[in-house]
């Protein structure tokens, strides 16, 4: 009986603590990333891969086209393939993903989503230019596809200040933002968004 009581109290404390964590995380993201979100807009996972898996299971149907940059993250590509996606690559140059390539090589409605690391494309480290970010947001609205923005290292900026994530400029609700807190917190607090 005593053990059951302790478990019940622990679960209540955990729920309250998690709610406070979500509220503070929202405050942090709103202040640092330019978002306007509430706790019900968040899901916290243990890793980016887990977040990608959840998003893939929710969004991808077999044979859906998923676009990734040429030279892309192997783990994310495997997650998309496991969900049944048909992965297509987009060229990357000194300004990031070639957004015009999408317009010239794909028809409206043929793309399920595009996976990008706009801040620092993995593995090339090229940043998607502001002009291309805006073009991509408009193209996503017009072509009716989602953008999965993996912002794995936003807190690390070597020169100047970081460009805000694409999700902060998303007026149409097309961006799913994945962020990582692991680099800026102690190991015991490591969480992905």
Protein backbone atom coordinates (compact mmCIF):
# COMPACT_ATOMS: atom_id res chain seq x y z
CA UNK A 1 0.00 0.00 0.00
CA UNK A 2 2.80 2.39 0.89
CA UNK A 3 4.63 1.68 -2.37
CA UNK A 4 1.52 2.43 -4.44
CA UNK A 5 1.13 5.73 -2.60
CA UNK A 6 4.73 6.70 -3.35
CA UNK A 7 4.34 5.86 -7.03
CA UNK A 8 1.17 7.93 -7.19
CA UNK A 9 2.90 10.93 -5.59
CA UNK A 10 5.90 10.54 -7.89
CA UNK A 11 3.66 10.50 -10.98
CA UNK A 12 1.88 13.69 -9.83
CA UNK A 13 5.20 15.41 -9.13
CA UNK A 14 6.57 14.30 -12.48
CA UNK A 15 3.53 15.66 -14.35
CA UNK A 16 3.78 19.03 -12.58
CA UNK A 17 7.55 19.20 -13.14
CA UNK A 18 7.16 18.30 -16.81
CA UNK A 19 4.50 20.98 -17.25
CA UNK A 20 6.87 23.55 -15.74
CA UNK A 21 9.66 22.27 -18.00
CA UNK A 22 7.47 22.71 -21.08
CA UNK A 23 6.45 26.23 -20.03
CA UNK A 24 10.06 27.27 -19.46
CA UNK A 25 11.13 25.63 -22.72
CA UNK A 26 8.45 27.61 -24.58
CA UNK A 27 9.67 30.82 -22.94
CA UNK A 28 13.25 30.00 -23.94
CA UNK A 29 12.34 29.15 -27.55
CA UNK A 30 10.12 32.21 -27.91
CA UNK A 31 12.92 34.45 -26.65
CA UNK A 32 15.82 32.88 -28.56
CA UNK A 33 14.23 31.54 -31.76
CA UNK A 34 11.56 34.16 -32.46
CA UNK A 35 8.70 31.70 -31.99
CA UNK A 36 5.23 32.35 -30.61
CA UNK A 37 4.42 28.90 -29.24
CA UNK A 38 2.67 27.40 -26.24
CA UNK A 39 3.36 24.11 -24.41
CA UNK A 40 0.77 22.26 -26.51
CA UNK A 41 2.95 23.00 -29.58
CA UNK A 42 5.86 21.01 -28.11
CA UNK A 43 6.89 17.42 -27.96
CA UNK A 44 10.08 16.54 -26.13
CA UNK A 45 12.00 13.38 -27.07
CA UNK A 46 15.33 11.84 -26.14
CA UNK A 47 16.94 12.30 -29.57
CA UNK A 48 16.57 13.90 -32.97
CA UNK A 49 16.26 10.44 -34.47
CA UNK A 50 13.29 9.69 -32.23
CA UNK A 51 11.66 12.97 -33.26
CA UNK A 52 12.25 12.18 -36.94
CA UNK A 53 10.83 8.70 -36.45
CA UNK A 54 7.63 10.09 -34.90
CA UNK A 55 7.25 12.73 -37.63
CA UNK A 56 7.91 10.13 -40.34
CA UNK A 57 5.35 7.70 -38.96
CA UNK A 58 2.76 10.48 -38.83
CA UNK A 59 3.44 12.06 -42.23
CA UNK A 60 4.84 9.46 -44.61
CA UNK A 61 2.79 6.98 -46.58
CA UNK A 62 4.51 4.39 -48.79
CA UNK A 63 5.99 5.97 -51.96
CA UNK A 64 5.66 9.56 -50.68
CA UNK A 65 8.43 11.76 -52.06
CA UNK A 66 10.77 13.22 -49.44
CA UNK A 67 13.41 15.70 -50.55
CA UNK A 68 16.82 15.95 -48.89
CA UNK A 69 19.98 17.84 -49.75
CA UNK A 70 22.61 16.08 -51.83
CA UNK A 71 24.99 14.75 -49.19
CA UNK A 72 22.59 14.39 -46.32
CA UNK A 73 22.31 12.84 -42.88
CA UNK A 74 22.45 9.05 -43.26
CA UNK A 75 20.39 8.33 -40.12
CA UNK A 76 17.53 10.61 -41.18
CA UNK A 77 17.49 9.10 -44.67
CA UNK A 78 17.24 5.59 -43.19
CA UNK A 79 14.33 6.68 -40.98
CA UNK A 80 12.49 8.10 -44.01
CA UNK A 81 13.16 4.96 -46.06
CA UNK A 82 11.96 2.73 -43.22
CA UNK A 83 8.68 4.68 -43.26
CA UNK A 84 8.33 3.95 -46.99
CA UNK A 85 9.49 7.26 -48.47
CA UNK A 86 10.93 7.68 -51.94
CA UNK A 87 13.94 9.91 -51.21
CA UNK A 88 15.04 12.41 -53.86
CA UNK A 89 18.09 14.66 -53.54
CA UNK A 90 18.38 18.38 -54.23
CA UNK A 91 21.66 20.05 -55.22
CA UNK A 92 23.42 22.17 -52.58
CA UNK A 93 25.64 25.14 -53.49
CA UNK A 94 27.28 27.99 -51.57
CA UNK A 95 23.82 29.45 -50.74
CA UNK A 96 22.34 26.18 -49.48
CA UNK A 97 19.68 24.00 -51.09
CA UNK A 98 18.82 24.96 -54.67
CA UNK A 99 15.16 25.89 -54.18
CA UNK A 100 14.65 26.65 -57.89
CA UNK A 101 15.55 23.01 -58.63
CA UNK A 102 12.40 21.95 -56.78
CA UNK A 103 10.22 24.21 -58.93
CA UNK A 104 11.74 22.92 -62.18
CA UNK A 105 11.88 19.20 -61.34
CA UNK A 106 8.72 18.50 -59.32
CA UNK A 107 5.02 19.17 -59.88
CA UNK A 108 2.57 20.57 -57.34
CA UNK A 109 1.34 17.96 -54.90
CA UNK A 110 4.10 15.44 -55.66
CA UNK A 111 6.24 16.19 -52.58
CA UNK A 112 5.31 15.10 -49.04
CA UNK A 113 8.03 17.05 -47.25
CA UNK A 114 11.55 18.37 -47.46
CA UNK A 115 14.12 17.71 -44.75
CA UNK A 116 16.59 20.55 -44.25
CA UNK A 117 19.23 21.82 -41.88
CA UNK A 118 18.85 25.50 -42.81
CA UNK A 119 21.25 26.86 -40.19
CA UNK A 120 24.13 24.58 -41.06
CA UNK A 121 23.51 21.91 -43.71
CA UNK A 122 24.96 18.57 -42.67
CA UNK A 123 27.69 17.67 -43.71
CA UNK A 124 28.62 20.71 -45.89
CA UNK A 125 27.95 23.33 -43.13
CA UNK A 126 26.46 25.72 -45.73
CA UNK A 127 23.77 28.05 -44.37
CA UNK A 128 20.58 28.41 -46.41
CA UNK A 129 20.44 32.07 -47.48
CA UNK A 130 17.61 34.32 -46.27
CA UNK A 131 16.35 34.72 -49.85
CA UNK A 132 16.15 30.95 -50.37
CA UNK A 133 14.47 30.45 -46.99
CA UNK A 134 11.65 32.79 -48.00
CA UNK A 135 11.41 31.15 -51.44
CA UNK A 136 11.20 27.72 -49.83
CA UNK A 137 8.45 28.82 -47.44
CA UNK A 138 6.41 30.20 -50.36
CA UNK A 139 7.07 27.08 -52.44
CA UNK A 140 5.93 24.85 -49.57
CA UNK A 141 2.68 26.81 -49.37
CA UNK A 142 2.13 26.69 -53.15
CA UNK A 143 3.17 23.04 -53.63
CA UNK A 144 1.49 21.96 -50.38
CA UNK A 145 4.40 20.17 -48.72
CA UNK A 146 5.84 20.33 -45.21
CA UNK A 147 9.32 21.44 -44.24
CA UNK A 148 11.12 19.48 -41.53
CA UNK A 149 13.72 21.91 -40.19
CA UNK A 150 16.45 20.15 -38.21
CA UNK A 151 18.20 22.92 -36.29
CA UNK A 152 20.67 20.66 -34.52
CA UNK A 153 23.25 23.31 -33.58
CA UNK A 154 21.49 26.66 -33.34
CA UNK A 155 23.20 27.54 -30.06
CA UNK A 156 26.66 27.28 -31.63
CA UNK A 157 27.50 30.31 -33.73
CA UNK A 158 31.09 31.19 -34.55
CA UNK A 159 30.70 34.53 -36.37
CA UNK A 160 28.06 37.11 -35.49
CA UNK A 161 24.58 36.16 -34.40
CA UNK A 162 22.65 33.19 -35.70
CA UNK A 163 19.95 33.59 -38.34
CA UNK A 164 16.53 32.80 -36.89
CA UNK A 165 15.06 29.42 -37.87
CA UNK A 166 12.70 29.21 -40.84
CA UNK A 167 9.97 28.19 -38.42
CA UNK A 168 10.01 31.70 -36.93
CA UNK A 169 8.96 33.15 -40.32
CA UNK A 170 6.40 30.42 -41.06
CA UNK A 171 3.06 32.19 -41.49
CA UNK A 172 1.37 29.18 -43.12
CA UNK A 173 2.08 26.41 -40.61
CA UNK A 174 4.23 24.34 -42.97
CA UNK A 175 7.38 23.96 -40.82
CA UNK A 176 8.00 21.23 -38.25
CA UNK A 177 10.94 22.45 -36.18
CA UNK A 178 13.39 20.02 -34.58
CA UNK A 179 15.89 21.51 -32.18
CA UNK A 180 18.47 20.16 -29.82
CA UNK A 181 19.36 21.31 -26.33
CA UNK A 182 22.06 18.75 -25.64
CA UNK A 183 25.04 20.92 -26.50
CA UNK A 184 24.05 23.68 -24.09
CA UNK A 185 22.90 21.62 -21.08
CA UNK A 186 24.49 19.18 -18.69
CA UNK A 187 24.23 15.54 -19.74
CA UNK A 188 21.52 14.82 -17.17
CA UNK A 189 19.22 17.39 -18.84
CA UNK A 190 19.81 16.36 -22.47
CA UNK A 191 16.59 16.54 -24.49
CA UNK A 192 15.63 17.11 -28.11
CA UNK A 193 12.54 18.96 -29.22
